[in-house]
């Protein structure tokens, strides 16, 4: 079995646990921005420490980080910040499993963004899978208990946040793969570590400056929730490193397609931990989207 497969599965599991922790903080103590900042505050020092160990005790030399590398880091890092804020805000609109499902439209959009930026093509079969995924999103877009024409619900806040996060996560995934490829022929895990350390450092500084300017109270609130925040940092670091390593090893569209296993993890979290009820329509939508992802995997 190729290494990128178990690495991607581990990344999906780490990410589900992190979103569970962020959901708990966002719905009780922190804003969407604060819950997002928490992951960078507690994961950046760990990533930098890992890079320091690799370059000192491990004997690895830090590669030259050129302008194109930092451009992709900035694009990917900013897109991920905005996408994570969208997802955390989405948790206040819909339940956990459906929120993650909306977010996972990123796998469909990653194939498109990857073609535009990196020239990684999409086959006719993959296009059919994309249309099937669109049908799943339409099924999930209607708010429970809502009435009126289905297309009117595409403009509700939950749909906008979910689809918006998918676009942004797609850009971040492709940008991270592009940044990693800029580092040349290095050991895959070291390329992933260098890229991760650069990205989370950029995200930590940029979000800290933003909150200092716009919402300083959240800086104190993030520190006040440091006990949970530390676990967010650990799960974020584990998940991010696995995602970055997978992007280094394989096409971003393949990685995101396999990452749809997170749908199963999130459904389990929604029912077992948050005691949230999943409707029949939502189960059908999740199943249909999962089917589209399977079709995408087979097509590419």
C-alpha atoms as a PDB file:
ATOM      1  CA  UNK A   1       0.000   0.000   0.000  1.00  0.00           C
ATOM      2  CA  UNK A   2       1.345   3.450  -0.966  1.00  0.00           C
ATOM      3  CA  UNK A   3       2.478   5.571   1.978  1.00  0.00           C
ATOM      4  CA  UNK A   4       0.174   8.477   1.092  1.00  0.00           C
ATOM      5  CA  UNK A   5      -2.929   6.348   1.806  1.00  0.00           C
ATOM      6  CA  UNK A   6      -2.399   5.656   5.551  1.00  0.00           C
ATOM      7  CA  UNK A   7      -0.974   9.164   5.968  1.00  0.00           C
ATOM      8  CA  UNK A   8      -4.150  10.668   4.491  1.00  0.00           C
ATOM      9  CA  UNK A   9      -6.371   8.487   6.704  1.00  0.00           C
ATOM     10  CA  UNK A  10      -4.451   9.677   9.762  1.00  0.00           C
ATOM     11  CA  UNK A  11      -4.799  13.286   8.627  1.00  0.00           C
ATOM     12  CA  UNK A  12      -8.590  12.924   8.317  1.00  0.00           C
ATOM     13  CA  UNK A  13      -8.847  11.454  11.818  1.00  0.00           C
ATOM     14  CA  UNK A  14      -6.684  14.196  13.364  1.00  0.00           C
ATOM     15  CA  UNK A  15      -8.719  16.855  11.573  1.00  0.00           C
ATOM     16  CA  UNK A  16     -12.059  15.477  12.789  1.00  0.00           C
ATOM     17  CA  UNK A  17     -10.872  15.559  16.399  1.00  0.00           C
ATOM     18  CA  UNK A  18      -9.569  19.119  15.959  1.00  0.00           C
ATOM     19  CA  UNK A  19     -12.854  20.341  14.519  1.00  0.00           C
ATOM     20  CA  UNK A  20     -14.686  18.716  17.445  1.00  0.00           C
ATOM     21  CA  UNK A  21     -12.533  20.683  19.888  1.00  0.00           C
ATOM     22  CA  UNK A  22     -12.952  23.907  17.891  1.00  0.00           C
ATOM     23  CA  UNK A  23     -16.711  23.403  17.747  1.00  0.00           C
ATOM     24  CA  UNK A  24     -16.823  23.101  21.542  1.00  0.00           C
ATOM     25  CA  UNK A  25     -14.810  26.298  21.999  1.00  0.00           C
ATOM     26  CA  UNK A  26     -16.605  28.283  19.293  1.00  0.00           C
ATOM     27  CA  UNK A  27     -20.072  27.510  20.600  1.00  0.00           C
ATOM     28  CA  UNK A  28     -19.206  28.363  24.200  1.00  0.00           C
ATOM     29  CA  UNK A  29     -16.232  30.682  24.661  1.00  0.00           C
ATOM     30  CA  UNK A  30     -14.606  31.866  21.436  1.00  0.00           C
ATOM     31  CA  UNK A  31     -15.619  33.547  18.199  1.00  0.00           C
ATOM     32  CA  UNK A  32     -14.951  31.816  14.886  1.00  0.00           C
ATOM     33  CA  UNK A  33     -11.755  33.873  14.513  1.00  0.00           C
ATOM     34  CA  UNK A  34     -10.637  33.072  18.053  1.00  0.00           C
ATOM     35  CA  UNK A  35     -11.198  29.335  17.645  1.00  0.00           C
ATOM     36  CA  UNK A  36      -9.235  29.455  14.381  1.00  0.00           C
ATOM     37  CA  UNK A  37      -6.362  31.414  15.937  1.00  0.00           C
ATOM     38  CA  UNK A  38      -6.125  28.866  18.769  1.00  0.00           C
ATOM     39  CA  UNK A  39      -4.919  26.148  16.399  1.00  0.00           C
ATOM     40  CA  UNK A  40      -2.067  28.308  15.082  1.00  0.00           C
ATOM     41  CA  UNK A  41      -1.054  29.672  18.469  1.00  0.00           C
ATOM     42  CA  UNK A  42      -0.501  26.215  19.912  1.00  0.00           C
ATOM     43  CA  UNK A  43       0.709  24.373  16.795  1.00  0.00           C
ATOM     44  CA  UNK A  44       3.259  26.860  15.387  1.00  0.00           C
ATOM     45  CA  UNK A  45       5.770  26.492  18.280  1.00  0.00           C
ATOM     46  CA  UNK A  46       5.584  22.701  17.949  1.00  0.00           C
ATOM     47  CA  UNK A  47       6.173  22.827  14.189  1.00  0.00           C
ATOM     48  CA  UNK A  48       9.138  25.180  14.585  1.00  0.00           C
ATOM     49  CA  UNK A  49      10.565  22.993  17.343  1.00  0.00           C
ATOM     50  CA  UNK A  50      10.309  19.966  15.075  1.00  0.00           C
ATOM     51  CA  UNK A  51      12.105  21.827  12.285  1.00  0.00           C
ATOM     52  CA  UNK A  52      14.819  22.946  14.700  1.00  0.00           C
ATOM     53  CA  UNK A  53      15.403  19.366  15.832  1.00  0.00           C
ATOM     54  CA  UNK A  54      15.558  18.150  12.221  1.00  0.00           C
ATOM     55  CA  UNK A  55      18.127  20.789  11.224  1.00  0.00           C
ATOM     56  CA  UNK A  56      20.324  20.408  14.302  1.00  0.00           C
ATOM     57  CA  UNK A  57      20.148  16.903  15.739  1.00  0.00           C
ATOM     58  CA  UNK A  58      18.899  15.376  12.473  1.00  0.00           C
ATOM     59  CA  UNK A  59      21.600  16.947  10.312  1.00  0.00           C
ATOM     60  CA  UNK A  60      19.223  18.249   7.633  1.00  0.00           C
ATOM     61  CA  UNK A  61      20.083  21.542   5.903  1.00  0.00           C
ATOM     62  CA  UNK A  62      17.340  24.124   5.526  1.00  0.00           C
ATOM     63  CA  UNK A  63      16.720  24.573   1.780  1.00  0.00           C
ATOM     64  CA  UNK A  64      16.589  27.924   0.022  1.00  0.00           C
ATOM     65  CA  UNK A  65      13.115  29.397   0.356  1.00  0.00           C
ATOM     66  CA  UNK A  66      12.554  31.448  -2.784  1.00  0.00           C
ATOM     67  CA  UNK A  67       9.888  34.042  -3.660  1.00  0.00           C
ATOM     68  CA  UNK A  68       7.601  31.475  -5.361  1.00  0.00           C
ATOM     69  CA  UNK A  69       7.699  29.296  -2.253  1.00  0.00           C
ATOM     70  CA  UNK A  70       6.623  32.203  -0.027  1.00  0.00           C
ATOM     71  CA  UNK A  71       3.972  33.278  -2.537  1.00  0.00           C
ATOM     72  CA  UNK A  72       2.341  29.849  -2.380  1.00  0.00           C
ATOM     73  CA  UNK A  73       2.716  29.828   1.424  1.00  0.00           C
ATOM     74  CA  UNK A  74       0.936  33.190   1.671  1.00  0.00           C
ATOM     75  CA  UNK A  75      -1.870  32.180  -0.693  1.00  0.00           C
ATOM     76  CA  UNK A  76      -2.402  28.806   0.945  1.00  0.00           C
ATOM     77  CA  UNK A  77      -2.073  30.116   4.491  1.00  0.00           C
ATOM     78  CA  UNK A  78      -4.532  32.975   3.960  1.00  0.00           C
ATOM     79  CA  UNK A  79      -7.029  30.716   2.178  1.00  0.00           C
ATOM     80  CA  UNK A  80      -6.862  28.184   5.011  1.00  0.00           C
ATOM     81  CA  UNK A  81      -7.434  30.856   7.663  1.00  0.00           C
ATOM     82  CA  UNK A  82     -10.549  32.131   5.897  1.00  0.00           C
ATOM     83  CA  UNK A  83     -11.765  28.601   5.188  1.00  0.00           C
ATOM     84  CA  UNK A  84     -11.383  27.512   8.813  1.00  0.00           C
ATOM     85  CA  UNK A  85     -13.269  30.592  10.019  1.00  0.00           C
ATOM     86  CA  UNK A  86     -16.070  29.681   7.610  1.00  0.00           C
ATOM     87  CA  UNK A  87     -16.227  26.112   8.933  1.00  0.00           C
ATOM     88  CA  UNK A  88     -16.228  27.132  12.607  1.00  0.00           C
ATOM     89  CA  UNK A  89     -18.955  29.696  11.885  1.00  0.00           C
ATOM     90  CA  UNK A  90     -20.860  27.009   9.985  1.00  0.00           C
ATOM     91  CA  UNK A  91     -20.987  24.839  13.110  1.00  0.00           C
ATOM     92  CA  UNK A  92     -23.297  27.457  14.623  1.00  0.00           C
ATOM     93  CA  UNK A  93     -25.647  27.161  11.636  1.00  0.00           C
ATOM     94  CA  UNK A  94     -25.892  23.400  11.079  1.00  0.00           C
ATOM     95  CA  UNK A  95     -24.879  20.219  12.930  1.00  0.00           C
ATOM     96  CA  UNK A  96     -21.355  18.829  12.960  1.00  0.00           C
ATOM     97  CA  UNK A  97     -21.667  16.102  10.311  1.00  0.00           C
ATOM     98  CA  UNK A  98     -23.460  18.300   7.769  1.00  0.00           C
ATOM     99  CA  UNK A  99     -20.999  21.136   8.416  1.00  0.00           C
ATOM    100  CA  UNK A 100     -18.097  18.846   7.579  1.00  0.00           C
ATOM    101  CA  UNK A 101     -19.951  17.568   4.497  1.00  0.00           C
ATOM    102  CA  UNK A 102     -20.368  21.094   3.135  1.00  0.00           C
ATOM    103  CA  UNK A 103     -16.679  21.678   3.783  1.00  0.00           C
ATOM    104  CA  UNK A 104     -15.786  18.522   1.903  1.00  0.00           C
ATOM    105  CA  UNK A 105     -16.989  20.000  -1.380  1.00  0.00           C
ATOM    106  CA  UNK A 106     -13.313  21.013  -1.418  1.00  0.00           C
ATOM    107  CA  UNK A 107     -12.421  17.650  -2.973  1.00  0.00           C
ATOM    108  CA  UNK A 108     -14.493  18.426  -6.043  1.00  0.00           C
ATOM    109  CA  UNK A 109     -13.134  21.945  -6.266  1.00  0.00           C
ATOM    110  CA  UNK A 110      -9.528  20.868  -5.653  1.00  0.00           C
ATOM    111  CA  UNK A 111      -9.562  18.956  -8.937  1.00  0.00           C
ATOM    112  CA  UNK A 112     -10.599  22.144 -10.737  1.00  0.00           C
ATOM    113  CA  UNK A 113      -8.125  24.411  -8.924  1.00  0.00           C
ATOM    114  CA  UNK A 114      -5.336  21.852  -9.390  1.00  0.00           C
ATOM    115  CA  UNK A 115      -5.938  21.876 -13.136  1.00  0.00           C
ATOM    116  CA  UNK A 116      -5.897  25.688 -13.297  1.00  0.00           C
ATOM    117  CA  UNK A 117      -2.793  26.200 -11.146  1.00  0.00           C
ATOM    118  CA  UNK A 118      -0.717  23.025 -11.604  1.00  0.00           C
ATOM    119  CA  UNK A 119      -2.125  21.620 -14.842  1.00  0.00           C
ATOM    120  CA  UNK A 120      -3.352  18.422 -13.159  1.00  0.00           C
ATOM    121  CA  UNK A 121      -6.153  17.389 -15.502  1.00  0.00           C
ATOM    122  CA  UNK A 122      -9.650  16.074 -14.826  1.00  0.00           C
ATOM    123  CA  UNK A 123     -11.079  13.254 -16.959  1.00  0.00           C
ATOM    124  CA  UNK A 124     -14.612  12.950 -18.348  1.00  0.00           C
ATOM    125  CA  UNK A 125     -15.370  10.402 -15.633  1.00  0.00           C
ATOM    126  CA  UNK A 126     -14.205  12.854 -12.979  1.00  0.00           C
ATOM    127  CA  UNK A 127     -16.499  15.501 -14.458  1.00  0.00           C
ATOM    128  CA  UNK A 128     -19.428  13.119 -13.971  1.00  0.00           C
ATOM    129  CA  UNK A 129     -18.385  12.670 -10.344  1.00  0.00           C
ATOM    130  CA  UNK A 130     -18.283  16.449  -9.927  1.00  0.00           C
ATOM    131  CA  UNK A 131     -21.868  16.745 -11.184  1.00  0.00           C
ATOM    132  CA  UNK A 132     -22.951  13.976  -8.806  1.00  0.00           C
ATOM    133  CA  UNK A 133     -21.318  15.861  -5.961  1.00  0.00           C
ATOM    134  CA  UNK A 134     -23.173  18.999  -6.991  1.00  0.00           C
ATOM    135  CA  UNK A 135     -26.448  17.083  -6.664  1.00  0.00           C
ATOM    136  CA  UNK A 136     -25.437  16.096  -3.118  1.00  0.00           C
ATOM    137  CA  UNK A 137     -24.707  19.718  -2.216  1.00  0.00           C
ATOM    138  CA  UNK A 138     -28.135  20.751  -3.535  1.00  0.00           C
ATOM    139  CA  UNK A 139     -29.726  18.076  -1.358  1.00  0.00           C
ATOM    140  CA  UNK A 140     -27.873  19.308   1.727  1.00  0.00           C
ATOM    141  CA  UNK A 141     -28.411  23.015   1.054  1.00  0.00           C
ATOM    142  CA  UNK A 142     -31.985  23.162   2.364  1.00  0.00           C
ATOM    143  CA  UNK A 143     -32.239  24.137   6.027  1.00  0.00           C
ATOM    144  CA  UNK A 144     -34.122  21.519   8.106  1.00  0.00           C
ATOM    145  CA  UNK A 145     -37.755  22.538   8.477  1.00  0.00           C
ATOM    146  CA  UNK A 146     -37.419  25.170   5.751  1.00  0.00           C
ATOM    147  CA  UNK A 147     -39.968  25.732   3.038  1.00  0.00           C
ATOM    148  CA  UNK A 148     -40.043  27.157  -0.455  1.00  0.00           C
ATOM    149  CA  UNK A 149     -38.216  26.401  -3.670  1.00  0.00           C
ATOM    150  CA  UNK A 150     -34.967  24.423  -3.301  1.00  0.00           C
ATOM    151  CA  UNK A 151     -32.893  26.965  -5.188  1.00  0.00           C
ATOM    152  CA  UNK A 152     -33.727  29.681  -2.664  1.00  0.00           C
ATOM    153  CA  UNK A 153     -31.840  27.741  -0.006  1.00  0.00           C
ATOM    154  CA  UNK A 154     -28.602  27.929  -1.955  1.00  0.00           C
ATOM    155  CA  UNK A 155     -28.287  31.505  -0.726  1.00  0.00           C
ATOM    156  CA  UNK A 156     -28.727  30.730   2.971  1.00  0.00           C
ATOM    157  CA  UNK A 157     -25.844  31.396   5.337  1.00  0.00           C
ATOM    158  CA  UNK A 158     -25.017  27.721   5.895  1.00  0.00           C
ATOM    159  CA  UNK A 159     -24.676  27.061   2.157  1.00  0.00           C
ATOM    160  CA  UNK A 160     -22.568  30.159   1.601  1.00  0.00           C
ATOM    161  CA  UNK A 161     -20.199  29.320   4.467  1.00  0.00           C
ATOM    162  CA  UNK A 162     -19.895  25.683   3.466  1.00  0.00           C
ATOM    163  CA  UNK A 163     -19.328  26.209  -0.233  1.00  0.00           C
ATOM    164  CA  UNK A 164     -17.035  29.167   0.448  1.00  0.00           C
ATOM    165  CA  UNK A 165     -14.894  27.055   2.759  1.00  0.00           C
ATOM    166  CA  UNK A 166     -14.680  24.396   0.054  1.00  0.00           C
ATOM    167  CA  UNK A 167     -13.299  26.859  -2.486  1.00  0.00           C
ATOM    168  CA  UNK A 168     -10.794  28.247   0.008  1.00  0.00           C
ATOM    169  CA  UNK A 169      -9.629  24.824   1.186  1.00  0.00           C
ATOM    170  CA  UNK A 170      -9.138  23.812  -2.442  1.00  0.00           C
ATOM    171  CA  UNK A 171      -6.845  26.794  -3.037  1.00  0.00           C
ATOM    172  CA  UNK A 172      -4.923  26.079   0.167  1.00  0.00           C
ATOM    173  CA  UNK A 173      -4.386  22.393  -0.699  1.00  0.00           C
ATOM    174  CA  UNK A 174      -3.100  23.103  -4.200  1.00  0.00           C
ATOM    175  CA  UNK A 175      -0.935  25.987  -2.934  1.00  0.00           C
ATOM    176  CA  UNK A 176       0.643  23.787  -0.270  1.00  0.00           C
ATOM    177  CA  UNK A 177       1.467  21.125  -2.840  1.00  0.00           C
ATOM    178  CA  UNK A 178       2.945  23.812  -5.091  1.00  0.00           C
ATOM    179  CA  UNK A 179       5.032  25.236  -2.213  1.00  0.00           C
ATOM    180  CA  UNK A 180       6.318  21.762  -1.343  1.00  0.00           C
ATOM    181  CA  UNK A 181       7.299  21.105  -4.957  1.00  0.00           C
ATOM    182  CA  UNK A 182       9.321  24.341  -4.938  1.00  0.00           C
ATOM    183  CA  UNK A 183      11.709  22.799  -2.400  1.00  0.00           C
ATOM    184  CA  UNK A 184      13.171  20.387  -4.939  1.00  0.00           C
ATOM    185  CA  UNK A 185      14.321  16.818  -4.434  1.00  0.00           C
ATOM    186  CA  UNK A 186      14.361  16.526  -0.653  1.00  0.00           C
ATOM    187  CA  UNK A 187      13.121  13.748   1.616  1.00  0.00           C
ATOM    188  CA  UNK A 188       9.302  13.975   1.473  1.00  0.00           C
ATOM    189  CA  UNK A 189       8.751  14.246   5.224  1.00  0.00           C
ATOM    190  CA  UNK A 190      11.357  17.030   5.511  1.00  0.00           C
ATOM    191  CA  UNK A 191       9.771  18.966   2.647  1.00  0.00           C
ATOM    192  CA  UNK A 192       6.442  18.615   4.420  1.00  0.00           C
ATOM    193  CA  UNK A 193       7.927  19.810   7.731  1.00  0.00           C
ATOM    194  CA  UNK A 194       9.601  22.872   6.173  1.00  0.00           C
ATOM    195  CA  UNK A 195       6.401  23.852   4.365  1.00  0.00           C
ATOM    196  CA  UNK A 196       4.293  23.291   7.480  1.00  0.00           C
ATOM    197  CA  UNK A 197       6.588  25.383   9.690  1.00  0.00           C
ATOM    198  CA  UNK A 198       6.563  28.249   7.173  1.00  0.00           C
ATOM    199  CA  UNK A 199       2.777  28.164   6.773  1.00  0.00           C
ATOM    200  CA  UNK A 200       1.818  28.027  10.458  1.00  0.00           C
ATOM    201  CA  UNK A 201       4.335  30.779  11.292  1.00  0.00           C
ATOM    202  CA  UNK A 202       2.775  32.997   8.618  1.00  0.00           C
ATOM    203  CA  UNK A 203      -0.706  32.174   9.904  1.00  0.00           C
ATOM    204  CA  UNK A 204       0.198  32.817  13.543  1.00  0.00           C
ATOM    205  CA  UNK A 205       1.699  36.244  12.852  1.00  0.00           C
ATOM    206  CA  UNK A 206      -1.003  37.390  10.421  1.00  0.00           C
ATOM    207  CA  UNK A 207      -3.911  36.317  12.640  1.00  0.00           C
ATOM    208  CA  UNK A 208      -2.308  37.760  15.774  1.00  0.00           C
ATOM    209  CA  UNK A 209      -1.929  41.144  14.058  1.00  0.00           C
ATOM    210  CA  UNK A 210      -5.511  40.981  12.769  1.00  0.00           C
ATOM    211  CA  UNK A 211      -6.996  40.184  16.184  1.00  0.00           C
ATOM    212  CA  UNK A 212      -4.826  42.806  17.865  1.00  0.00           C
ATOM    213  CA  UNK A 213      -6.283  45.353  15.465  1.00  0.00           C
ATOM    214  CA  UNK A 214      -9.915  44.223  15.343  1.00  0.00           C
ATOM    215  CA  UNK A 215     -10.740  42.074  18.385  1.00  0.00           C
ATOM    216  CA  UNK A 216      -8.169  42.126  21.171  1.00  0.00           C
ATOM    217  CA  UNK A 217     -10.577  40.503  23.614  1.00  0.00           C
ATOM    218  CA  UNK A 218     -10.285  37.271  21.650  1.00  0.00           C
ATOM    219  CA  UNK A 219      -6.526  37.145  22.284  1.00  0.00           C
ATOM    220  CA  UNK A 220      -7.214  36.995  26.016  1.00  0.00           C
ATOM    221  CA  UNK A 221     -10.062  34.536  25.471  1.00  0.00           C
ATOM    222  CA  UNK A 222      -7.809  32.187  23.510  1.00  0.00           C
ATOM    223  CA  UNK A 223      -5.267  32.226  26.331  1.00  0.00           C
ATOM    224  CA  UNK A 224      -8.031  31.609  28.888  1.00  0.00           C
ATOM    225  CA  UNK A 225      -9.011  28.418  27.038  1.00  0.00           C
ATOM    226  CA  UNK A 226      -5.422  27.211  26.764  1.00  0.00           C
ATOM    227  CA  UNK A 227      -6.126  23.814  28.332  1.00  0.00           C
ATOM    228  CA  UNK A 228      -8.370  22.842  25.424  1.00  0.00           C
ATOM    229  CA  UNK A 229      -6.324  24.993  23.036  1.00  0.00           C
ATOM    230  CA  UNK A 230      -3.216  22.919  23.690  1.00  0.00           C
ATOM    231  CA  UNK A 231      -5.026  19.802  22.460  1.00  0.00           C
ATOM    232  CA  UNK A 232      -6.204  21.766  19.416  1.00  0.00           C
ATOM    233  CA  UNK A 233      -2.566  22.594  18.737  1.00  0.00           C
ATOM    234  CA  UNK A 234      -1.463  18.972  19.044  1.00  0.00           C
ATOM    235  CA  UNK A 235      -4.220  17.587  16.811  1.00  0.00           C
ATOM    236  CA  UNK A 236      -3.706  20.446  14.366  1.00  0.00           C
ATOM    237  CA  UNK A 237       0.018  19.723  14.148  1.00  0.00           C
ATOM    238  CA  UNK A 238      -0.547  16.004  13.634  1.00  0.00           C
ATOM    239  CA  UNK A 239      -3.229  16.554  11.022  1.00  0.00           C
ATOM    240  CA  UNK A 240      -1.390  19.315   9.182  1.00  0.00           C
ATOM    241  CA  UNK A 241       1.859  17.349   8.993  1.00  0.00           C
ATOM    242  CA  UNK A 242       0.010  14.324   7.605  1.00  0.00           C
ATOM    243  CA  UNK A 243      -1.833  16.464   5.028  1.00  0.00           C
ATOM    244  CA  UNK A 244       1.393  18.193   3.969  1.00  0.00           C
ATOM    245  CA  UNK A 245       3.231  14.878   3.701  1.00  0.00           C
ATOM    246  CA  UNK A 246       0.397  13.430   1.615  1.00  0.00           C
ATOM    247  CA  UNK A 247       0.425  16.501  -0.669  1.00  0.00           C
ATOM    248  CA  UNK A 248       4.167  16.032  -1.095  1.00  0.00           C
ATOM    249  CA  UNK A 249       3.702  12.393  -2.083  1.00  0.00           C
ATOM    250  CA  UNK A 250       0.595  12.576  -4.256  1.00  0.00           C
ATOM    251  CA  UNK A 251      -1.674  14.750  -6.420  1.00  0.00           C
ATOM    252  CA  UNK A 252      -3.803  17.021  -4.197  1.00  0.00           C
ATOM    253  CA  UNK A 253      -7.045  15.840  -5.828  1.00  0.00           C
ATOM    254  CA  UNK A 254      -6.235  12.203  -4.995  1.00  0.00           C
ATOM    255  CA  UNK A 255      -5.406  13.124  -1.396  1.00  0.00           C
ATOM    256  CA  UNK A 256      -8.578  15.143  -0.899  1.00  0.00           C
ATOM    257  CA  UNK A 257     -10.666  12.406  -2.501  1.00  0.00           C
ATOM    258  CA  UNK A 258      -9.407   9.787  -0.050  1.00  0.00           C
ATOM    259  CA  UNK A 259      -9.761  12.334   2.751  1.00  0.00           C
ATOM    260  CA  UNK A 260     -13.532  12.039   2.354  1.00  0.00           C
ATOM    261  CA  UNK A 261     -13.312   9.259   4.936  1.00  0.00           C
ATOM    262  CA  UNK A 262     -13.651  12.214   7.295  1.00  0.00           C
ATOM    263  CA  UNK A 263     -17.380  12.085   6.466  1.00  0.00           C
ATOM    264  CA  UNK A 264     -17.646   8.812   8.371  1.00  0.00           C
ATOM    265  CA  UNK A 265     -15.603  10.137  11.276  1.00  0.00           C
ATOM    266  CA  UNK A 266     -17.690  13.321  11.496  1.00  0.00           C
ATOM    267  CA  UNK A 267     -20.982  11.411  11.392  1.00  0.00           C
ATOM    268  CA  UNK A 268     -19.769   9.293  14.297  1.00  0.00           C
ATOM    269  CA  UNK A 269     -18.717  12.425  16.187  1.00  0.00           C
ATOM    270  CA  UNK A 270     -22.039  14.135  15.519  1.00  0.00           C
ATOM    271  CA  UNK A 271     -24.144  11.274  16.862  1.00  0.00           C
ATOM    272  CA  UNK A 272     -21.903   9.867  19.593  1.00  0.00           C
ATOM    273  CA  UNK A 273     -20.298  12.983  21.090  1.00  0.00           C
ATOM    274  CA  UNK A 274     -22.584  15.915  20.298  1.00  0.00           C
ATOM    275  CA  UNK A 275     -25.815  13.860  20.443  1.00  0.00           C
ATOM    276  CA  UNK A 276     -27.077  15.603  17.319  1.00  0.00           C
ATOM    277  CA  UNK A 277     -29.884  14.108  15.275  1.00  0.00           C
ATOM    278  CA  UNK A 278     -29.172  13.401  11.617  1.00  0.00           C
ATOM    279  CA  UNK A 279     -32.203  13.585   9.343  1.00  0.00           C
ATOM    280  CA  UNK A 280     -32.923  11.135   6.545  1.00  0.00           C
ATOM    281  CA  UNK A 281     -32.323  13.796   3.913  1.00  0.00           C
ATOM    282  CA  UNK A 282     -28.968  14.677   5.442  1.00  0.00           C
ATOM    283  CA  UNK A 283     -27.920  11.018   5.504  1.00  0.00           C
ATOM    284  CA  UNK A 284     -28.950  10.722   1.862  1.00  0.00           C
ATOM    285  CA  UNK A 285     -26.954  13.846   0.991  1.00  0.00           C
ATOM    286  CA  UNK A 286     -23.879  12.601   2.828  1.00  0.00           C
ATOM    287  CA  UNK A 287     -24.201   9.225   1.117  1.00  0.00           C
ATOM    288  CA  UNK A 288     -24.597  10.795  -2.308  1.00  0.00           C
ATOM    289  CA  UNK A 289     -21.587  13.029  -1.788  1.00  0.00           C
ATOM    290  CA  UNK A 290     -19.589  10.017  -0.599  1.00  0.00           C
ATOM    291  CA  UNK A 291     -20.628   8.179  -3.758  1.00  0.00           C
ATOM    292  CA  UNK A 292     -19.461  11.088  -5.894  1.00  0.00           C
ATOM    293  CA  UNK A 293     -16.081  11.012  -4.152  1.00  0.00           C
ATOM    294  CA  UNK A 294     -15.782   7.280  -4.774  1.00  0.00           C
ATOM    295  CA  UNK A 295     -16.582   7.887  -8.440  1.00  0.00           C
ATOM    296  CA  UNK A 296     -13.942  10.623  -8.506  1.00  0.00           C
ATOM    297  CA  UNK A 297     -11.329   8.260  -7.054  1.00  0.00           C
ATOM    298  CA  UNK A 298     -12.130   5.637  -9.675  1.00  0.00           C
ATOM    299  CA  UNK A 299     -12.083   8.224 -12.457  1.00  0.00           C
ATOM    300  CA  UNK A 300      -8.696   9.730 -11.611  1.00  0.00           C
END
